[in-house]
Amino acid sequence: MVERINYATLPQIAGPYVHATKHDKTLYVSGLTAFGTSSQSEGLPEQCSQILSQISSILESEQRRKQDIIKLTIFVRDISLLATIREQLFEFYEGFLPACSLVEVSKLIHPDLLIEIEAVIALVD
C-alpha cells in the first residue's frame, strides 16, 4: 500500500502531487524548492538552506535521522555555482553521506528558483 503525505510544516502544495509517499518502509520525497518562502527570490545558498530545512522537518516528522537519507537528487539551474553550496551540504549530512545525483536544468517551476532537491529516506532501523 502507498501512503500519500502532505506535511503541515512545509509550504502548501499548489500542484497535482504530494510532499511524499511511503511505500515498503521507504519515503520518497517530491522535489522541494524555496517556492512560496522568504528565500524564493534569494540566491542559491539561501534557497538550498530553505530546502535542507524542509528535509530536516520531514525527518523530524517521521522520527528519522540524517543517516536515514538514502539518496538525494539535486537539480540546479547553474552547475558552476555548486561551490557556493558544497560546504552547506557537507554540514547538513553530518558525516552520513548519501548517494547523490546533481543535474543542471534549464528551468524550474518558477523563474526565481535556482535549486530543487528530491530525497529517498529509509524508514527502518
N, C-alpha and C. Protein backbone atom coordinates (compact mmCIF):
# COMPACT_ATOMS: atom_id res chain seq x y z
N MET A 1 0.84 -1.18 0.00
CA MET A 1 0.00 0.00 0.00
C MET A 1 0.88 1.25 0.00
N VAL A 2 0.46 2.26 -0.69
CA VAL A 2 1.18 3.52 -0.76
C VAL A 2 0.42 4.55 0.08
N GLU A 3 1.16 5.23 0.95
CA GLU A 3 0.59 6.31 1.76
C GLU A 3 1.07 7.63 1.19
N ARG A 4 0.14 8.53 0.92
CA ARG A 4 0.46 9.85 0.37
C ARG A 4 0.40 10.88 1.49
N ILE A 5 1.44 11.73 1.58
CA ILE A 5 1.59 12.61 2.74
C ILE A 5 1.85 14.05 2.31
N ASN A 6 1.15 14.98 2.97
CA ASN A 6 1.49 16.40 2.91
C ASN A 6 1.83 16.82 4.34
N TYR A 7 2.91 17.56 4.50
CA TYR A 7 3.38 17.98 5.82
C TYR A 7 2.95 19.42 6.07
N ALA A 8 2.31 19.65 7.21
CA ALA A 8 1.84 20.99 7.57
C ALA A 8 2.99 21.97 7.75
N THR A 9 4.19 21.47 8.04
CA THR A 9 5.35 22.34 8.28
C THR A 9 6.02 22.81 6.99
N LEU A 10 5.58 22.27 5.85
CA LEU A 10 6.18 22.64 4.56
C LEU A 10 5.26 23.60 3.81
N PRO A 11 5.82 24.34 2.83
CA PRO A 11 4.96 25.22 2.04
C PRO A 11 3.81 24.42 1.40
N GLN A 12 2.66 25.05 1.34
CA GLN A 12 1.48 24.39 0.78
C GLN A 12 1.70 24.04 -0.68
N ILE A 13 1.19 22.91 -1.08
CA ILE A 13 1.33 22.44 -2.46
C ILE A 13 0.20 23.01 -3.31
N ALA A 14 0.57 23.48 -4.50
CA ALA A 14 -0.42 24.04 -5.41
C ALA A 14 -0.63 23.17 -6.64
N GLY A 15 0.17 22.13 -6.80
CA GLY A 15 0.11 21.29 -7.99
C GLY A 15 -0.48 19.93 -7.73
N PRO A 16 -0.49 19.08 -8.75
CA PRO A 16 -1.08 17.75 -8.63
C PRO A 16 -0.09 16.70 -8.10
N TYR A 17 0.37 16.89 -6.86
CA TYR A 17 1.31 15.96 -6.24
C TYR A 17 1.24 16.13 -4.73
N VAL A 18 1.93 15.27 -4.00
CA VAL A 18 2.03 15.35 -2.54
C VAL A 18 3.50 15.56 -2.17
N HIS A 19 3.74 15.97 -0.93
CA HIS A 19 5.12 16.17 -0.48
C HIS A 19 5.92 14.88 -0.54
N ALA A 20 5.26 13.76 -0.18
CA ALA A 20 5.99 12.49 -0.14
C ALA A 20 5.02 11.32 -0.22
N THR A 21 5.58 10.18 -0.56
CA THR A 21 4.83 8.93 -0.50
C THR A 21 5.66 7.89 0.26
N LYS A 22 4.95 7.08 1.05
CA LYS A 22 5.59 5.99 1.77
C LYS A 22 5.21 4.69 1.08
N HIS A 23 6.21 3.85 0.88
CA HIS A 23 5.95 2.53 0.31
C HIS A 23 7.05 1.58 0.77
N ASP A 24 6.63 0.46 1.33
CA ASP A 24 7.57 -0.60 1.70
C ASP A 24 8.76 -0.09 2.52
N LYS A 25 8.49 0.65 3.57
CA LYS A 25 9.49 1.16 4.51
C LYS A 25 10.49 2.13 3.88
N THR A 26 10.02 2.82 2.83
CA THR A 26 10.83 3.85 2.18
C THR A 26 9.95 5.09 1.97
N LEU A 27 10.54 6.25 2.22
CA LEU A 27 9.84 7.52 2.00
C LEU A 27 10.45 8.19 0.78
N TYR A 28 9.62 8.51 -0.19
CA TYR A 28 10.05 9.19 -1.42
C TYR A 28 9.56 10.64 -1.34
N VAL A 29 10.49 11.57 -1.24
CA VAL A 29 10.15 12.98 -1.09
C VAL A 29 10.17 13.66 -2.45
N SER A 30 9.07 14.34 -2.77
CA SER A 30 8.99 15.09 -4.03
C SER A 30 10.05 16.17 -4.08
N GLY A 31 10.29 16.70 -5.26
CA GLY A 31 11.23 17.80 -5.41
C GLY A 31 10.79 18.99 -4.57
N LEU A 32 11.65 19.42 -3.65
CA LEU A 32 11.37 20.55 -2.78
C LEU A 32 12.10 21.78 -3.29
N THR A 33 11.45 22.93 -3.19
CA THR A 33 12.04 24.20 -3.61
C THR A 33 11.79 25.26 -2.55
N ALA A 34 12.27 26.45 -2.82
CA ALA A 34 12.01 27.59 -1.93
C ALA A 34 10.76 28.34 -2.36
N PHE A 35 9.99 27.80 -3.29
CA PHE A 35 8.78 28.46 -3.78
C PHE A 35 7.82 28.75 -2.63
N GLY A 36 7.34 29.98 -2.56
CA GLY A 36 6.40 30.38 -1.53
C GLY A 36 7.02 30.67 -0.18
N THR A 37 8.36 30.72 -0.12
CA THR A 37 9.05 31.03 1.14
C THR A 37 9.76 32.38 0.99
N SER A 38 10.29 32.87 2.08
CA SER A 38 11.03 34.14 2.04
C SER A 38 12.34 34.00 1.27
N SER A 39 12.79 32.79 1.03
CA SER A 39 14.04 32.55 0.29
C SER A 39 13.84 32.47 -1.22
N GLN A 40 12.60 32.49 -1.68
CA GLN A 40 12.31 32.28 -3.09
C GLN A 40 13.10 33.20 -4.02
N SER A 41 13.23 34.46 -3.67
CA SER A 41 13.91 35.41 -4.56
C SER A 41 15.37 35.65 -4.17
N GLU A 42 15.89 34.82 -3.26
CA GLU A 42 17.28 34.96 -2.83
C GLU A 42 18.20 34.07 -3.66
N GLY A 43 19.46 34.00 -3.27
CA GLY A 43 20.47 33.27 -4.03
C GLY A 43 20.44 31.78 -3.76
N LEU A 44 21.33 31.07 -4.45
CA LEU A 44 21.40 29.62 -4.34
C LEU A 44 21.65 29.14 -2.91
N PRO A 45 22.60 29.71 -2.15
CA PRO A 45 22.81 29.22 -0.78
C PRO A 45 21.57 29.37 0.11
N GLU A 46 20.86 30.46 -0.04
CA GLU A 46 19.67 30.70 0.78
C GLU A 46 18.55 29.72 0.40
N GLN A 47 18.36 29.51 -0.90
CA GLN A 47 17.35 28.57 -1.34
C GLN A 47 17.71 27.14 -0.91
N CYS A 48 18.97 26.79 -1.02
CA CYS A 48 19.42 25.47 -0.59
C CYS A 48 19.17 25.29 0.91
N SER A 49 19.48 26.29 1.70
CA SER A 49 19.26 26.24 3.14
C SER A 49 17.78 26.02 3.45
N GLN A 50 16.91 26.70 2.74
CA GLN A 50 15.46 26.55 2.93
C GLN A 50 15.03 25.11 2.65
N ILE A 51 15.53 24.54 1.57
CA ILE A 51 15.16 23.18 1.20
C ILE A 51 15.70 22.17 2.20
N LEU A 52 16.94 22.34 2.63
CA LEU A 52 17.52 21.43 3.62
C LEU A 52 16.75 21.51 4.93
N SER A 53 16.25 22.69 5.26
CA SER A 53 15.41 22.86 6.44
C SER A 53 14.09 22.09 6.28
N GLN A 54 13.56 22.10 5.08
CA GLN A 54 12.33 21.34 4.81
C GLN A 54 12.59 19.84 4.96
N ILE A 55 13.72 19.38 4.46
CA ILE A 55 14.07 17.96 4.60
C ILE A 55 14.24 17.61 6.07
N SER A 56 14.89 18.48 6.83
CA SER A 56 15.04 18.26 8.28
C SER A 56 13.68 18.17 8.96
N SER A 57 12.75 19.00 8.54
CA SER A 57 11.40 18.98 9.10
C SER A 57 10.71 17.66 8.81
N ILE A 58 10.89 17.15 7.60
CA ILE A 58 10.32 15.84 7.24
C ILE A 58 10.95 14.74 8.09
N LEU A 59 12.28 14.78 8.23
CA LEU A 59 12.96 13.78 9.07
C LEU A 59 12.40 13.80 10.49
N GLU A 60 12.21 14.99 11.02
CA GLU A 60 11.68 15.12 12.38
C GLU A 60 10.25 14.56 12.45
N SER A 61 9.43 14.90 11.48
CA SER A 61 8.05 14.41 11.45
C SER A 61 7.99 12.89 11.38
N GLU A 62 8.93 12.30 10.68
CA GLU A 62 8.97 10.84 10.50
C GLU A 62 9.82 10.14 11.56
N GLN A 63 10.34 10.92 12.52
CA GLN A 63 11.21 10.40 13.58
C GLN A 63 12.40 9.65 12.99
N ARG A 64 13.03 10.28 12.01
CA ARG A 64 14.21 9.72 11.33
C ARG A 64 15.38 10.66 11.54
N ARG A 65 16.56 10.19 11.14
CA ARG A 65 17.79 10.97 11.29
C ARG A 65 18.44 11.17 9.91
N LYS A 66 19.43 12.02 9.87
CA LYS A 66 20.13 12.28 8.60
C LYS A 66 20.75 11.01 8.04
N GLN A 67 21.19 10.11 8.91
CA GLN A 67 21.80 8.86 8.43
C GLN A 67 20.79 7.97 7.71
N ASP A 68 19.50 8.28 7.80
CA ASP A 68 18.47 7.52 7.11
C ASP A 68 18.24 7.99 5.68
N ILE A 69 18.89 9.07 5.29
CA ILE A 69 18.76 9.54 3.91
C ILE A 69 19.54 8.59 3.01
N ILE A 70 18.83 8.00 2.07
CA ILE A 70 19.44 7.05 1.14
C ILE A 70 20.05 7.78 -0.05
N LYS A 71 19.27 8.71 -0.61
CA LYS A 71 19.71 9.37 -1.84
C LYS A 71 19.06 10.73 -1.97
N LEU A 72 19.83 11.68 -2.47
CA LEU A 72 19.31 12.99 -2.87
C LEU A 72 19.53 13.15 -4.37
N THR A 73 18.60 13.79 -5.02
CA THR A 73 18.80 14.24 -6.39
C THR A 73 18.65 15.75 -6.36
N ILE A 74 19.70 16.43 -6.78
CA ILE A 74 19.74 17.89 -6.72
C ILE A 74 19.71 18.44 -8.14
N PHE A 75 18.74 19.30 -8.41
CA PHE A 75 18.61 19.95 -9.71
C PHE A 75 18.99 21.42 -9.52
N VAL A 76 19.96 21.91 -10.29
CA VAL A 76 20.38 23.31 -10.19
C VAL A 76 20.30 23.96 -11.56
N ARG A 77 20.05 25.25 -11.55
CA ARG A 77 19.98 25.99 -12.81
C ARG A 77 21.37 26.33 -13.35
N ASP A 78 22.37 26.44 -12.45
CA ASP A 78 23.73 26.78 -12.87
C ASP A 78 24.72 25.95 -12.08
N ILE A 79 25.21 24.89 -12.70
CA ILE A 79 26.10 23.94 -12.01
C ILE A 79 27.42 24.59 -11.61
N SER A 80 27.78 25.69 -12.26
CA SER A 80 29.03 26.37 -11.90
C SER A 80 28.97 26.99 -10.51
N LEU A 81 27.76 27.09 -9.92
CA LEU A 81 27.61 27.64 -8.57
C LEU A 81 27.66 26.58 -7.48
N LEU A 82 27.96 25.34 -7.85
CA LEU A 82 27.99 24.25 -6.88
C LEU A 82 28.87 24.57 -5.67
N ALA A 83 29.99 25.22 -5.90
CA ALA A 83 30.91 25.54 -4.80
C ALA A 83 30.23 26.39 -3.72
N THR A 84 29.19 27.15 -4.08
CA THR A 84 28.52 28.02 -3.10
C THR A 84 27.66 27.23 -2.12
N ILE A 85 27.36 25.96 -2.43
CA ILE A 85 26.54 25.15 -1.52
C ILE A 85 27.24 23.87 -1.05
N ARG A 86 28.41 23.62 -1.56
CA ARG A 86 29.12 22.37 -1.24
C ARG A 86 29.31 22.18 0.27
N GLU A 87 29.85 23.18 0.96
CA GLU A 87 30.09 23.08 2.40
C GLU A 87 28.77 22.95 3.16
N GLN A 88 27.76 23.66 2.69
CA GLN A 88 26.44 23.59 3.31
C GLN A 88 25.90 22.15 3.27
N LEU A 89 26.11 21.48 2.15
CA LEU A 89 25.67 20.09 2.03
C LEU A 89 26.44 19.17 2.97
N PHE A 90 27.78 19.34 3.02
CA PHE A 90 28.58 18.53 3.94
C PHE A 90 28.10 18.71 5.39
N GLU A 91 27.83 19.93 5.79
CA GLU A 91 27.36 20.19 7.15
C GLU A 91 26.00 19.55 7.39
N PHE A 92 25.12 19.64 6.42
CA PHE A 92 23.79 19.05 6.55
C PHE A 92 23.87 17.54 6.75
N TYR A 93 24.73 16.87 6.00
CA TYR A 93 24.84 15.40 6.07
C TYR A 93 25.36 14.90 7.41
N GLU A 94 26.07 15.72 8.17
CA GLU A 94 26.63 15.35 9.47
C GLU A 94 27.48 14.08 9.38
N GLY A 95 28.19 13.93 8.26
CA GLY A 95 29.07 12.79 8.09
C GLY A 95 28.41 11.57 7.47
N PHE A 96 27.09 11.58 7.31
CA PHE A 96 26.36 10.45 6.73
C PHE A 96 26.07 10.75 5.27
N LEU A 97 27.09 10.60 4.41
CA LEU A 97 26.94 10.96 3.01
C LEU A 97 25.98 9.99 2.31
N PRO A 98 24.96 10.52 1.63
CA PRO A 98 24.04 9.66 0.88
C PRO A 98 24.54 9.48 -0.55
N ALA A 99 23.90 8.58 -1.28
CA ALA A 99 24.08 8.58 -2.72
C ALA A 99 23.48 9.90 -3.20
N CYS A 100 24.01 10.45 -4.27
CA CYS A 100 23.53 11.77 -4.71
C CYS A 100 23.76 11.94 -6.20
N SER A 101 22.80 12.56 -6.85
CA SER A 101 22.95 12.96 -8.25
C SER A 101 22.78 14.46 -8.32
N LEU A 102 23.58 15.10 -9.15
CA LEU A 102 23.50 16.54 -9.37
C LEU A 102 23.25 16.76 -10.85
N VAL A 103 22.17 17.46 -11.16
CA VAL A 103 21.76 17.65 -12.54
C VAL A 103 21.54 19.14 -12.81
N GLU A 104 22.13 19.65 -13.87
CA GLU A 104 21.86 21.02 -14.28
C GLU A 104 20.64 21.02 -15.20
N VAL A 105 19.71 21.92 -14.91
CA VAL A 105 18.48 22.04 -15.70
C VAL A 105 18.33 23.46 -16.23
N SER A 106 17.59 23.62 -17.30
CA SER A 106 17.42 24.95 -17.88
C SER A 106 16.38 25.78 -17.14
N LYS A 107 15.37 25.13 -16.57
CA LYS A 107 14.31 25.86 -15.87
C LYS A 107 13.77 25.00 -14.74
N LEU A 108 13.18 25.69 -13.76
CA LEU A 108 12.40 25.04 -12.72
C LEU A 108 11.00 25.64 -12.77
N ILE A 109 10.13 25.29 -11.84
CA ILE A 109 8.72 25.66 -11.90
C ILE A 109 8.46 27.17 -11.87
N HIS A 110 9.39 27.96 -11.35
CA HIS A 110 9.25 29.42 -11.29
C HIS A 110 10.61 30.03 -11.63
N PRO A 111 10.62 31.16 -12.34
CA PRO A 111 11.90 31.76 -12.75
C PRO A 111 12.83 32.15 -11.59
N ASP A 112 12.29 32.40 -10.40
CA ASP A 112 13.11 32.74 -9.23
C ASP A 112 13.92 31.55 -8.72
N LEU A 113 13.45 30.36 -8.99
CA LEU A 113 14.03 29.17 -8.36
C LEU A 113 15.33 28.75 -9.03
N LEU A 114 16.32 28.45 -8.18
CA LEU A 114 17.66 28.08 -8.64
C LEU A 114 18.01 26.63 -8.32
N ILE A 115 17.21 25.99 -7.45
CA ILE A 115 17.53 24.63 -6.99
C ILE A 115 16.25 23.91 -6.58
N GLU A 116 16.27 22.59 -6.79
CA GLU A 116 15.20 21.70 -6.34
C GLU A 116 15.88 20.41 -5.87
N ILE A 117 15.40 19.86 -4.77
CA ILE A 117 16.01 18.65 -4.23
C ILE A 117 14.93 17.61 -3.92
N GLU A 118 15.16 16.38 -4.41
CA GLU A 118 14.33 15.22 -4.08
C GLU A 118 15.11 14.36 -3.09
N ALA A 119 14.40 13.58 -2.29
CA ALA A 119 15.08 12.70 -1.33
C ALA A 119 14.39 11.34 -1.25
N VAL A 120 15.19 10.33 -0.94
CA VAL A 120 14.69 9.00 -0.62
C VAL A 120 15.23 8.68 0.77
N ILE A 121 14.31 8.30 1.68
CA ILE A 121 14.67 8.12 3.08
C ILE A 121 14.21 6.74 3.56
N ALA A 122 15.11 6.03 4.23
CA ALA A 122 14.79 4.73 4.80
C ALA A 122 13.93 4.91 6.06
N LEU A 123 12.93 4.07 6.21
CA LEU A 123 12.04 4.16 7.37
C LEU A 123 12.20 2.95 8.29
N VAL A 124 13.35 2.29 8.23
CA VAL A 124 13.64 1.15 9.09
C VAL A 124 14.90 1.42 9.91
N ASP A 125 15.00 0.75 11.04
CA ASP A 125 16.21 0.90 11.87
C ASP A 125 17.21 -0.17 11.54
